[in-house]
Amino acid sequence: MALDESTLKEISVSNGTRFVNYLIDGLIVGSVVTLPLLGYMFSSVNLDDPESINSVGSSANSVQVFAIGGQFLYYFLMEAYMGGRTLGKMVTGSIVVNKQGEMATPGNIAGRSLCRFIPFDNISFIFTRGWHDSISDTYVVDKKKWENAQTIEKNIEDINRMGGEPSETVAW
């Protein structure tokens, strides 16, 4: 059941909710992926050995690659296989949907996850709906409002199938 763009905009979450999602997911990615990698990198440093200290720079590049991969995997696996939701979105009652208002596809989610690495993407939602959403044709919406909109859309389709007319417009 497709939802129109105006409905998706009406049921989209606020910038404040998006920011809370970002903070929660950032803490999780940082705690689960980045901190252990940094711990591993610095555990191999011997402060009495200058050569060991110099090796931190090359280790940092490896840590950065693993951190980026870990962040991509977190967002992709959570959103693609947990019904469009990361842990942050679960806490705030948000969900990612495609531009038709249906569950986002793994392709949408992969595009979203890759777009997160565009510089300044993490603050782009302040001015637009977010580059990772705009580019991947997705929206972050309130899950309960989305479910209600889906139900209403299905009911309207059922009425139209029976030859009737919907009696009024519903506000979200």
Protein backbone atom coordinates (compact mmCIF):
# COMPACT_ATOMS: atom_id res chain seq x y z
CA MET A 1 0.00 0.00 0.00
CA ALA A 2 1.62 3.17 -1.18
CA LEU A 3 1.48 6.35 0.85
CA ASP A 4 1.85 9.73 -0.83
CA GLU A 5 4.69 12.14 -0.11
CA SER A 6 2.52 14.56 1.88
CA THR A 7 1.48 11.74 4.23
CA LEU A 8 5.11 10.65 4.64
CA LYS A 9 6.09 14.22 5.52
CA GLU A 10 3.25 14.46 8.05
CA ILE A 11 4.25 11.24 9.84
CA SER A 12 8.01 11.88 9.66
CA VAL A 13 9.76 12.18 13.00
CA SER A 14 11.05 15.50 14.28
CA ASN A 15 14.66 16.63 14.04
CA GLY A 16 14.89 16.14 17.80
CA THR A 17 13.91 12.48 17.45
CA ARG A 18 16.43 12.06 14.64
CA PHE A 19 19.09 13.57 16.88
CA VAL A 20 18.25 11.16 19.71
CA ASN A 21 18.47 8.26 17.20
CA TYR A 22 21.89 9.56 16.12
CA LEU A 23 23.15 9.82 19.72
CA ILE A 24 21.95 6.36 20.76
CA ASP A 25 23.26 4.66 17.63
CA GLY A 26 26.51 6.63 17.83
CA LEU A 27 27.06 5.47 21.40
CA ILE A 28 26.40 1.88 20.40
CA VAL A 29 28.69 1.98 17.36
CA GLY A 30 31.35 3.75 19.40
CA SER A 31 31.10 1.32 22.29
CA VAL A 32 30.83 -1.89 20.32
CA VAL A 33 33.10 -1.13 17.37
CA THR A 34 35.47 1.80 17.88
CA LEU A 35 36.48 1.51 21.55
CA PRO A 36 37.58 -2.14 21.35
CA LEU A 37 39.58 -1.41 18.19
CA LEU A 38 41.31 1.54 19.84
CA GLY A 39 41.98 -0.59 22.91
CA TYR A 40 43.58 -3.24 20.72
CA MET A 41 45.66 -0.64 18.88
CA PHE A 42 47.05 0.94 22.04
CA SER A 43 47.53 -2.34 23.91
CA SER A 44 50.32 -3.22 21.48
CA VAL A 45 52.23 0.02 22.18
CA ASN A 46 55.33 -0.16 24.35
CA LEU A 47 56.07 3.36 25.60
CA ASP A 48 59.75 2.47 26.08
CA ASP A 49 60.15 1.51 22.42
CA PRO A 50 60.10 4.45 19.94
CA GLU A 51 59.47 2.05 17.03
CA SER A 52 56.36 0.75 18.80
CA ILE A 53 55.09 4.32 19.28
CA ASN A 54 55.67 5.09 15.58
CA SER A 55 53.58 2.06 14.60
CA VAL A 56 50.47 3.66 16.12
CA GLY A 57 49.98 5.76 12.94
CA SER A 58 49.74 2.73 10.68
CA SER A 59 47.54 0.96 13.21
CA ALA A 60 45.23 3.99 13.26
CA ASN A 61 44.55 3.56 9.54
CA SER A 62 43.54 -0.06 10.13
CA VAL A 63 41.32 0.95 13.03
CA GLN A 64 39.63 3.58 10.88
CA VAL A 65 38.89 1.04 8.13
CA PHE A 66 37.44 -1.41 10.66
CA ALA A 67 35.42 1.35 12.37
CA ILE A 68 33.90 2.45 9.05
CA GLY A 69 33.11 -1.16 8.18
CA GLY A 70 31.60 -1.71 11.63
CA GLN A 71 29.42 1.38 11.34
CA PHE A 72 28.20 0.32 7.89
CA LEU A 73 27.42 -3.20 9.13
CA TYR A 74 25.58 -1.90 12.20
CA TYR A 75 23.24 0.35 10.23
CA PHE A 76 22.79 -2.04 7.31
CA LEU A 77 22.18 -5.19 9.35
CA MET A 78 19.92 -3.49 11.88
CA GLU A 79 17.77 -1.61 9.37
CA ALA A 80 17.67 -4.34 6.71
CA TYR A 81 16.98 -7.25 9.06
CA MET A 82 15.25 -5.66 12.05
CA GLY A 83 12.34 -4.14 10.16
CA GLY A 84 13.86 -0.75 9.31
CA ARG A 85 14.99 -0.06 12.86
CA THR A 86 18.24 0.45 14.70
CA LEU A 87 18.36 0.34 18.50
CA GLY A 88 17.99 4.13 18.53
CA LYS A 89 14.89 3.92 16.35
CA MET A 90 13.45 1.21 18.59
CA VAL A 91 13.82 3.49 21.62
CA THR A 92 12.18 6.47 19.87
CA GLY A 93 9.47 4.52 18.05
CA SER A 94 10.83 5.35 14.57
CA ILE A 95 11.11 3.26 11.42
CA VAL A 96 12.73 3.68 7.99
CA VAL A 97 10.37 3.35 5.00
CA ASN A 98 10.85 3.87 1.27
CA LYS A 99 9.36 6.73 -0.77
CA GLN A 100 6.13 4.75 -1.29
CA GLY A 101 5.70 4.39 2.47
CA GLU A 102 6.49 0.67 2.40
CA MET A 103 9.25 -1.21 4.19
CA ALA A 104 12.61 -0.06 2.84
CA THR A 105 14.40 -2.64 0.71
CA PRO A 106 17.93 -3.89 1.45
CA GLY A 107 19.01 -1.77 -1.55
CA ASN A 108 17.51 1.36 0.04
CA ILE A 109 19.19 0.49 3.31
CA ALA A 110 22.59 -0.18 1.69
CA GLY A 111 22.39 3.20 -0.04
CA ARG A 112 21.40 4.89 3.22
CA SER A 113 24.23 3.22 5.08
CA LEU A 114 26.83 4.23 2.48
CA CYS A 115 25.56 7.82 2.34
CA ARG A 116 26.28 8.20 6.05
CA PHE A 117 29.94 8.57 5.08
CA ILE A 118 29.30 11.74 3.06
CA PRO A 119 30.97 14.59 4.97
CA PHE A 120 28.47 16.51 7.11
CA ASP A 121 25.69 14.00 6.45
CA ASN A 122 25.21 13.61 10.19
CA ILE A 123 23.97 17.22 10.43
CA SER A 124 22.20 17.41 7.05
CA PHE A 125 18.85 16.51 8.66
CA ILE A 126 18.81 19.97 10.25
CA PHE A 127 18.22 21.55 6.83
CA THR A 128 16.54 18.75 4.84
CA ARG A 129 15.26 15.31 5.66
CA GLY A 130 18.89 14.16 5.62
CA TRP A 131 21.13 13.37 2.68
CA HIS A 132 21.19 9.66 3.48
CA ASP A 133 17.37 9.74 3.25
CA SER A 134 17.09 12.03 0.22
CA ILE A 135 19.63 10.09 -1.84
CA SER A 136 18.30 6.63 -0.90
CA ASP A 137 14.62 7.66 -1.26
CA THR A 138 13.75 6.84 2.35
CA TYR A 139 11.95 8.54 5.23
CA VAL A 140 12.25 8.11 8.99
CA VAL A 141 8.68 8.08 10.30
CA ASP A 142 6.84 7.53 13.55
CA LYS A 143 6.11 3.79 13.62
CA LYS A 144 2.62 4.05 15.17
CA LYS A 145 1.53 6.82 12.80
CA TRP A 146 2.91 4.80 9.88
CA GLU A 147 0.96 1.71 10.97
CA ASN A 148 -2.21 3.83 11.28
CA ALA A 149 -1.63 5.35 7.83
CA GLN A 150 -1.16 1.87 6.37
CA THR A 151 -4.44 0.71 7.96
CA ILE A 152 -6.33 3.74 6.69
CA GLU A 153 -4.88 3.29 3.19
CA LYS A 154 -5.93 -0.38 3.21
CA ASN A 155 -9.44 0.55 4.38
CA ILE A 156 -9.75 3.15 1.61
CA GLU A 157 -8.62 0.57 -0.95
CA ASP A 158 -11.21 -1.89 0.41
CA ILE A 159 -13.96 0.75 0.18
CA ASN A 160 -12.94 1.63 -3.39
CA ARG A 161 -12.91 -2.05 -4.33
CA MET A 162 -16.51 -2.32 -3.11
CA GLY A 163 -17.46 0.73 -5.18
CA GLY A 164 -17.88 3.17 -2.31
CA GLU A 165 -16.36 6.54 -1.61
CA PRO A 166 -14.36 7.42 1.50
CA SER A 167 -16.43 9.82 3.58
CA GLU A 168 -13.74 12.14 4.95
CA THR A 169 -10.06 13.00 4.97
CA VAL A 170 -8.19 11.85 8.05
CA ALA A 171 -5.56 14.02 9.76
CA TRP A 172 -2.58 12.26 11.22
